[in-house]
PDB file of N, CA and C in Angstrom:
ATOM      1  N   MET A   1      49.423  72.152  65.749  1.00  0.00           N
ATOM      2  CA  MET A   1      49.061  71.027  64.488  1.00  0.00           C
ATOM      3  C   MET A   1      48.679  70.035  65.033  1.00  0.00           C
ATOM      4  N   ASP A   2      47.640  69.204  64.198  1.00  0.00           N
ATOM      5  CA  ASP A   2      47.310  68.306  64.301  1.00  0.00           C
ATOM      6  C   ASP A   2      47.980  66.538  64.934  1.00  0.00           C
ATOM      7  N   PRO A   3      48.105  66.338  66.162  1.00  0.00           N
ATOM      8  CA  PRO A   3      48.873  65.044  66.511  1.00  0.00           C
ATOM      9  C   PRO A   3      48.679  64.080  65.472  1.00  0.00           C
ATOM     10  N   GLU A   4      47.932  63.649  65.124  1.00  0.00           N
ATOM     11  CA  GLU A   4      47.362  62.381  64.314  1.00  0.00           C
ATOM     12  C   GLU A   4      48.744  62.882  63.039  1.00  0.00           C
ATOM     13  N   LYS A   5      48.547  63.964  62.374  1.00  0.00           N
ATOM     14  CA  LYS A   5      49.235  64.388  61.204  1.00  0.00           C
ATOM     15  C   LYS A   5      50.645  64.042  61.819  1.00  0.00           C
ATOM     16  N   MET A   6      51.049  64.754  62.648  1.00  0.00           N
ATOM     17  CA  MET A   6      52.236  64.888  63.234  1.00  0.00           C
ATOM     18  C   MET A   6      52.796  63.227  63.644  1.00  0.00           C
ATOM     19  N   ILE A   7      52.180  62.270  64.024  1.00  0.00           N
ATOM     20  CA  ILE A   7      52.655  60.963  63.945  1.00  0.00           C
ATOM     21  C   ILE A   7      52.887  60.683  62.761  1.00  0.00           C
ATOM     22  N   ASP A   8      52.242  60.756  61.421  1.00  0.00           N
ATOM     23  CA  ASP A   8      51.944  60.139  60.637  1.00  0.00           C
ATOM     24  C   ASP A   8      53.095  60.875  59.549  1.00  0.00           C
ATOM     25  N   GLY A   9      53.750  62.005  59.676  1.00  0.00           N
ATOM     26  CA  GLY A   9      54.685  62.664  58.903  1.00  0.00           C
ATOM     27  C   GLY A   9      56.191  62.005  59.535  1.00  0.00           C
ATOM     28  N   VAL A  10      56.152  61.923  60.835  1.00  0.00           N
ATOM     29  CA  VAL A  10      57.221  60.999  61.687  1.00  0.00           C
ATOM     30  C   VAL A  10      57.421  59.499  61.007  1.00  0.00           C
ATOM     31  N   PHE A  11      56.445  58.832  60.940  1.00  0.00           N
ATOM     32  CA  PHE A  11      56.079  57.355  60.482  1.00  0.00           C
ATOM     33  C   PHE A  11      57.048  57.387  59.013  1.00  0.00           C
ATOM     34  N   LYS A  12      56.494  58.347  57.897  1.00  0.00           N
ATOM     35  CA  LYS A  12      56.468  58.465  56.943  1.00  0.00           C
ATOM     36  C   LYS A  12      58.317  59.014  56.726  1.00  0.00           C
ATOM     37  N   GLU A  13      58.748  59.707  57.920  1.00  0.00           N
ATOM     38  CA  GLU A  13      59.745  60.037  58.104  1.00  0.00           C
ATOM     39  C   GLU A  13      61.028  58.700  58.212  1.00  0.00           C
ATOM     40  N   ILE A  14      60.392  58.111  59.174  1.00  0.00           N
ATOM     41  CA  ILE A  14      61.141  56.725  59.655  1.00  0.00           C
ATOM     42  C   ILE A  14      60.925  55.637  58.267  1.00  0.00           C
ATOM     43  N   ASN A  15      59.863  55.465  57.737  1.00  0.00           N
ATOM     44  CA  ASN A  15      60.039  54.655  56.445  1.00  0.00           C
ATOM     45  C   ASN A  15      60.858  54.768  55.525  1.00  0.00           C
ATOM     46  N   ALA A  16      60.982  56.093  55.236  1.00  0.00           N
ATOM     47  CA  ALA A  16      62.091  56.656  54.220  1.00  0.00           C
ATOM     48  C   ALA A  16      63.705  56.450  54.432  1.00  0.00           C
ATOM     49  N   THR A  17      63.879  56.712  55.641  1.00  0.00           N
ATOM     50  CA  THR A  17      65.040  56.303  56.015  1.00  0.00           C
ATOM     51  C   THR A  17      65.669  55.451  56.307  1.00  0.00           C
ATOM     52  N   LEU A  18      64.279  54.359  56.624  1.00  0.00           N
ATOM     53  CA  LEU A  18      64.695  52.937  56.760  1.00  0.00           C
ATOM     54  C   LEU A  18      65.091  52.049  55.174  1.00  0.00           C
ATOM     55  N   LYS A  19      64.037  52.598  54.281  1.00  0.00           N
ATOM     56  CA  LYS A  19      64.794  52.363  52.557  1.00  0.00           C
ATOM     57  C   LYS A  19      66.198  52.901  52.466  1.00  0.00           C
ATOM     58  N   LEU A  20      66.411  54.094  53.096  1.00  0.00           N
ATOM     59  CA  LEU A  20      67.749  54.562  52.424  1.00  0.00           C
ATOM     60  C   LEU A  20      68.719  53.979  52.918  1.00  0.00           C
ATOM     61  N   MET A  21      68.606  53.367  54.320  1.00  0.00           N
ATOM     62  CA  MET A  21      69.321  52.792  55.154  1.00  0.00           C
ATOM     63  C   MET A  21      69.652  51.442  54.451  1.00  0.00           C
ATOM     64  N   GLY A  22      68.716  50.776  54.234  1.00  0.00           N
ATOM     65  CA  GLY A  22      68.792  49.525  53.726  1.00  0.00           C
ATOM     66  C   GLY A  22      69.774  49.414  52.352  1.00  0.00           C
ATOM     67  N   LYS A  23      70.058  50.467  51.623  1.00  0.00           N
ATOM     68  CA  LYS A  23      70.437  51.124  50.581  1.00  0.00           C
ATOM     69  C   LYS A  23      71.542  51.545  50.564  1.00  0.00           C
ATOM     70  N   ALA A  24      72.201  51.605  51.571  1.00  0.00           N
ATOM     71  CA  ALA A  24      73.602  51.606  52.183  1.00  0.00           C
ATOM     72  C   ALA A  24      74.267  51.277  52.118  1.00  0.00           C
ATOM     73  N   LYS A  25      75.963  51.622  51.496  1.00  0.00           N
ATOM     74  CA  LYS A  25      76.666  50.565  51.218  1.00  0.00           C
ATOM     75  C   LYS A  25      78.150  50.975  52.106  1.00  0.00           C
ATOM     76  N   THR A  26      78.124  51.708  52.691  1.00  0.00           N
ATOM     77  CA  THR A  26      79.029  51.628  53.342  1.00  0.00           C
ATOM     78  C   THR A  26      78.736  52.224  54.912  1.00  0.00           C
ATOM     79  N   PRO A  27      79.615  51.196  56.266  1.00  0.00           N
ATOM     80  CA  PRO A  27      79.065  51.801  57.508  1.00  0.00           C
ATOM     81  C   PRO A  27      79.092  52.948  58.007  1.00  0.00           C
ATOM     82  N   GLU A  28      79.518  53.960  57.405  1.00  0.00           N
ATOM     83  CA  GLU A  28      78.974  55.538  57.519  1.00  0.00           C
ATOM     84  C   GLU A  28      78.387  56.121  57.538  1.00  0.00           C
ATOM     85  N   ASP A  29      77.501  55.615  56.110  1.00  0.00           N
ATOM     86  CA  ASP A  29      75.922  55.736  55.820  1.00  0.00           C
ATOM     87  C   ASP A  29      75.605  55.148  56.782  1.00  0.00           C
ATOM     88  N   LYS A  30      75.528  53.568  56.738  1.00  0.00           N
ATOM     89  CA  LYS A  30      74.775  53.451  58.005  1.00  0.00           C
ATOM     90  C   LYS A  30      74.670  54.075  59.078  1.00  0.00           C
ATOM     91  N   LEU A  31      75.712  54.329  59.598  1.00  0.00           N
ATOM     92  CA  LEU A  31      75.989  54.940  61.024  1.00  0.00           C
ATOM     93  C   LEU A  31      75.259  56.380  60.853  1.00  0.00           C
ATOM     94  N   THR A  32      75.275  56.992  60.063  1.00  0.00           N
ATOM     95  CA  THR A  32      74.481  58.405  59.803  1.00  0.00           C
ATOM     96  C   THR A  32      72.774  57.761  59.715  1.00  0.00           C
ATOM     97  N   TYR A  33      72.164  57.272  58.917  1.00  0.00           N
ATOM     98  CA  TYR A  33      70.928  56.818  58.996  1.00  0.00           C
ATOM     99  C   TYR A  33      70.231  56.172  60.250  1.00  0.00           C
ATOM    100  N   SER A  34      71.264  55.568  61.014  1.00  0.00           N
ATOM    101  CA  SER A  34      70.773  54.911  62.360  1.00  0.00           C
ATOM    102  C   SER A  34      70.831  56.127  63.154  1.00  0.00           C
ATOM    103  N   LYS A  35      71.303  57.286  63.119  1.00  0.00           N
ATOM    104  CA  LYS A  35      71.697  58.137  64.112  1.00  0.00           C
ATOM    105  C   LYS A  35      70.115  59.097  63.898  1.00  0.00           C
ATOM    106  N   ALA A  36      70.041  59.165  62.392  1.00  0.00           N
ATOM    107  CA  ALA A  36      68.626  59.993  62.183  1.00  0.00           C
ATOM    108  C   ALA A  36      67.135  58.856  62.510  1.00  0.00           C
ATOM    109  N   LEU A  37      67.514  57.904  62.429  1.00  0.00           N
ATOM    110  CA  LEU A  37      66.605  57.057  62.777  1.00  0.00           C
ATOM    111  C   LEU A  37      66.338  57.050  64.574  1.00  0.00           C
ATOM    112  N   LYS A  38      67.522  57.041  64.922  1.00  0.00           N
ATOM    113  CA  LYS A  38      67.389  57.311  66.798  1.00  0.00           C
ATOM    114  C   LYS A  38      66.486  58.822  66.833  1.00  0.00           C
ATOM    115  N   ASN A  39      66.494  59.455  65.998  1.00  0.00           N
ATOM    116  CA  ASN A  39      66.277  61.264  66.369  1.00  0.00           C
ATOM    117  C   ASN A  39      64.939  60.865  66.444  1.00  0.00           C
ATOM    118  N   LEU A  40      64.612  60.639  64.815  1.00  0.00           N
ATOM    119  CA  LEU A  40      62.887  60.253  64.271  1.00  0.00           C
ATOM    120  C   LEU A  40      62.143  59.641  65.399  1.00  0.00           C
ATOM    121  N   CYS A  41      62.796  58.599  66.226  1.00  0.00           N
ATOM    122  CA  CYS A  41      62.017  57.403  67.175  1.00  0.00           C
ATOM    123  C   CYS A  41      62.266  58.389  68.268  1.00  0.00           C
ATOM    124  N   GLU A  42      62.903  59.196  68.635  1.00  0.00           N
ATOM    125  CA  GLU A  42      62.974  59.954  69.922  1.00  0.00           C
ATOM    126  C   GLU A  42      61.676  60.904  69.824  1.00  0.00           C
ATOM    127  N   SER A  43      61.448  61.574  68.548  1.00  0.00           N
ATOM    128  CA  SER A  43      60.722  62.415  68.383  1.00  0.00           C
ATOM    129  C   SER A  43      58.969  61.789  68.275  1.00  0.00           C
ATOM    130  N   LEU A  44      58.785  60.849  68.121  1.00  0.00           N
ATOM    131  CA  LEU A  44      57.751  60.012  68.208  1.00  0.00           C
ATOM    132  C   LEU A  44      57.184  59.674  69.742  1.00  0.00           C
ATOM    133  N   ASN A  45      58.723  59.311  69.942  1.00  0.00           N
ATOM    134  CA  ASN A  45      58.573  59.421  71.885  1.00  0.00           C
ATOM    135  C   ASN A  45      57.711  60.751  72.450  1.00  0.00           C
ATOM    136  N   SER A  46      58.256  61.409  72.198  1.00  0.00           N
ATOM    137  CA  SER A  46      57.836  63.113  72.256  1.00  0.00           C
ATOM    138  C   SER A  46      56.500  62.812  72.249  1.00  0.00           C
ATOM    139  N   ILE A  47      55.954  62.875  71.027  1.00  0.00           N
ATOM    140  CA  ILE A  47      54.781  63.339  70.397  1.00  0.00           C
ATOM    141  C   ILE A  47      53.851  62.376  70.990  1.00  0.00           C
ATOM    142  N   ILE A  48      54.036  60.910  71.344  1.00  0.00           N
ATOM    143  CA  ILE A  48      53.075  60.768  72.353  1.00  0.00           C
ATOM    144  C   ILE A  48      53.106  60.965  73.189  1.00  0.00           C
ATOM    145  N   SER A  49      54.541  61.246  74.300  1.00  0.00           N
ATOM    146  CA  SER A  49      54.237  61.188  75.512  1.00  0.00           C
ATOM    147  C   SER A  49      53.518  62.868  75.563  1.00  0.00           C
ATOM    148  N   MET A  50      53.216  63.710  74.793  1.00  0.00           N
ATOM    149  CA  MET A  50      52.648  64.728  74.988  1.00  0.00           C
ATOM    150  C   MET A  50      51.356  64.312  74.443  1.00  0.00           C
ATOM    151  N   ILE A  51      50.930  63.377  74.041  1.00  0.00           N
ATOM    152  CA  ILE A  51      49.549  63.000  73.792  1.00  0.00           C
ATOM    153  C   ILE A  51      48.996  62.391  74.778  1.00  0.00           C
ATOM    154  N   THR A  52      49.358  61.719  75.477  1.00  0.00           N
ATOM    155  CA  THR A  52      49.099  60.982  76.686  1.00  0.00           C
ATOM    156  C   THR A  52      49.249  61.778  77.823  1.00  0.00           C
ATOM    157  N   SER A  53      49.758  62.987  77.925  1.00  0.00           N
ATOM    158  CA  SER A  53      49.836  63.965  78.955  1.00  0.00           C
ATOM    159  C   SER A  53      48.684  64.199  78.876  1.00  0.00           C
ATOM    160  N   THR A  54      48.227  64.965  77.693  1.00  0.00           N
ATOM    161  CA  THR A  54      46.829  65.855  77.330  1.00  0.00           C
ATOM    162  C   THR A  54      45.846  65.391  77.877  1.00  0.00           C
ATOM    163  N   MET A  55      45.727  63.915  77.681  1.00  0.00           N
ATOM    164  CA  MET A  55      44.212  63.142  77.814  1.00  0.00           C
ATOM    165  C   MET A  55      43.534  62.776  79.149  1.00  0.00           C
ATOM    166  N   PRO A  56      42.702  63.045  78.928  1.00  0.00           N
ATOM    167  CA  PRO A  56      41.948  63.000  80.562  1.00  0.00           C
ATOM    168  C   PRO A  56      42.542  61.828  81.274  1.00  0.00           C
ATOM    169  N   SER A  57      42.234  61.971  82.371  1.00  0.00           N
ATOM    170  CA  SER A  57      42.666  60.424  83.221  1.00  0.00           C
ATOM    171  C   SER A  57      41.314  59.697  83.736  1.00  0.00           C
ATOM    172  N   PHE A  58      40.688  58.643  82.985  1.00  0.00           N
ATOM    173  CA  PHE A  58      39.968  58.017  82.859  1.00  0.00           C
ATOM    174  C   PHE A  58      39.714  57.099  84.578  1.00  0.00           C
ATOM    175  N   MET A  59      41.028  56.899  84.796  1.00  0.00           N
ATOM    176  CA  MET A  59      41.227  56.110  85.757  1.00  0.00           C
ATOM    177  C   MET A  59      41.326  56.523  87.412  1.00  0.00           C
ATOM    178  N   ASP A  60      39.716  57.136  87.894  1.00  0.00           N
ATOM    179  CA  ASP A  60      40.239  58.072  89.093  1.00  0.00           C
ATOM    180  C   ASP A  60      39.372  56.998  89.789  1.00  0.00           C
ATOM    181  N   ASP A  61      38.618  57.347  91.419  1.00  0.00           N
ATOM    182  CA  ASP A  61      38.792  56.686  92.282  1.00  0.00           C
ATOM    183  C   ASP A  61      37.271  56.449  92.420  1.00  0.00           C
ATOM    184  N   ASP A  62      36.942  56.993  91.603  1.00  0.00           N
ATOM    185  CA  ASP A  62      35.044  56.848  91.531  1.00  0.00           C
ATOM    186  C   ASP A  62      35.038  56.409  90.628  1.00  0.00           C
ATOM    187  N   PHE A  63      35.793  55.948  89.344  1.00  0.00           N
ATOM    188  CA  PHE A  63      35.159  55.186  87.982  1.00  0.00           C
ATOM    189  C   PHE A  63      34.824  53.739  88.497  1.00  0.00           C
ATOM    190  N   ASP A  64      35.708  53.280  89.026  1.00  0.00           N
ATOM    191  CA  ASP A  64      35.495  51.693  89.622  1.00  0.00           C
ATOM    192  C   ASP A  64      33.939  52.053  90.632  1.00  0.00           C
ATOM    193  N   ASP A  65      33.715  52.793  91.482  1.00  0.00           N
ATOM    194  CA  ASP A  65      32.562  52.634  92.078  1.00  0.00           C
ATOM    195  C   ASP A  65      31.188  52.598  91.473  1.00  0.00           C
ATOM    196  N   ASP A  66      31.128  53.559  90.474  1.00  0.00           N
ATOM    197  CA  ASP A  66      30.124  53.683  89.388  1.00  0.00           C
ATOM    198  C   ASP A  66      29.438  52.352  89.119  1.00  0.00           C
ATOM    199  N   PHE A  67      30.410  51.050  88.863  1.00  0.00           N
ATOM    200  CA  PHE A  67      30.419  49.779  88.093  1.00  0.00           C
ATOM    201  C   PHE A  67      30.504  48.381  89.104  1.00  0.00           C
ATOM    202  N   ASP A  68      30.457  49.059  90.532  1.00  0.00           N
ATOM    203  CA  ASP A  68      30.480  47.631  91.432  1.00  0.00           C
ATOM    204  C   ASP A  68      29.435  46.821  91.190  1.00  0.00           C
ATOM    205  N   ASP A  69      28.308  46.685  91.485  1.00  0.00           N
ATOM    206  CA  ASP A  69      27.435  45.952  92.191  1.00  0.00           C
ATOM    207  C   ASP A  69      26.338  46.001  90.870  1.00  0.00           C
ATOM    208  N   GLU A  70      25.944  47.218  90.707  1.00  0.00           N
ATOM    209  CA  GLU A  70      24.666  47.544  89.886  1.00  0.00           C
ATOM    210  C   GLU A  70      24.526  47.318  88.395  1.00  0.00           C
ATOM    211  N   ASN A  71      25.844  46.962  88.003  1.00  0.00           N
ATOM    212  CA  ASN A  71      25.833  46.390  86.759  1.00  0.00           C
ATOM    213  C   ASN A  71      26.105  44.990  86.623  1.00  0.00           C
ATOM    214  N   ASP A  72      26.242  43.838  87.521  1.00  0.00           N
ATOM    215  CA  ASP A  72      26.532  42.974  87.830  1.00  0.00           C
ATOM    216  C   ASP A  72      25.668  42.052  86.655  1.00  0.00           C
ATOM    217  N   PHE A  73      25.979  41.248  85.344  1.00  0.00           N
ATOM    218  CA  PHE A  73      25.297  40.589  84.202  1.00  0.00           C
ATOM    219  C   PHE A  73      26.051  39.688  84.010  1.00  0.00           C
ATOM    220  N   THR A  74      25.306  38.620  83.148  1.00  0.00           N
ATOM    221  CA  THR A  74      26.553  37.683  82.916  1.00  0.00           C
ATOM    222  C   THR A  74      26.007  37.822  81.341  1.00  0.00           C
ATOM    223  N   ILE A  75      27.106  36.898  80.347  1.00  0.00           N
ATOM    224  CA  ILE A  75      26.793  36.637  79.149  1.00  0.00           C
ATOM    225  C   ILE A  75      25.881  36.000  78.677  1.00  0.00           C
ATOM    226  N   PRO A  76      24.769  35.901  78.271  1.00  0.00           N
ATOM    227  CA  PRO A  76      24.254  34.540  77.734  1.00  0.00           C
ATOM    228  C   PRO A  76      24.487  33.440  77.307  1.00  0.00           C
ATOM    229  N   PHE A  77      25.985  33.429  76.908  1.00  0.00           N
ATOM    230  CA  PHE A  77      26.169  32.271  75.639  1.00  0.00           C
ATOM    231  C   PHE A  77      27.939  31.617  76.493  1.00  0.00           C
TER     232      PHE A  77
END
């Protein structure tokens, strides 16, 4: 599944749960929605962690060496 679609889906669920939590009257209902929000946010964190762990690392040792002195220039303004 597309990670972007997964993130969008979780955000939609978070927004819907927040709206329902705002309409809740009893503390028990608010606690239920609070637990649901906690689970959704942990799911979002897991998705983001998975995405970042699969991204290539651009900050290796050779990266800085390529741009040290040969590309020194100033902005004209």
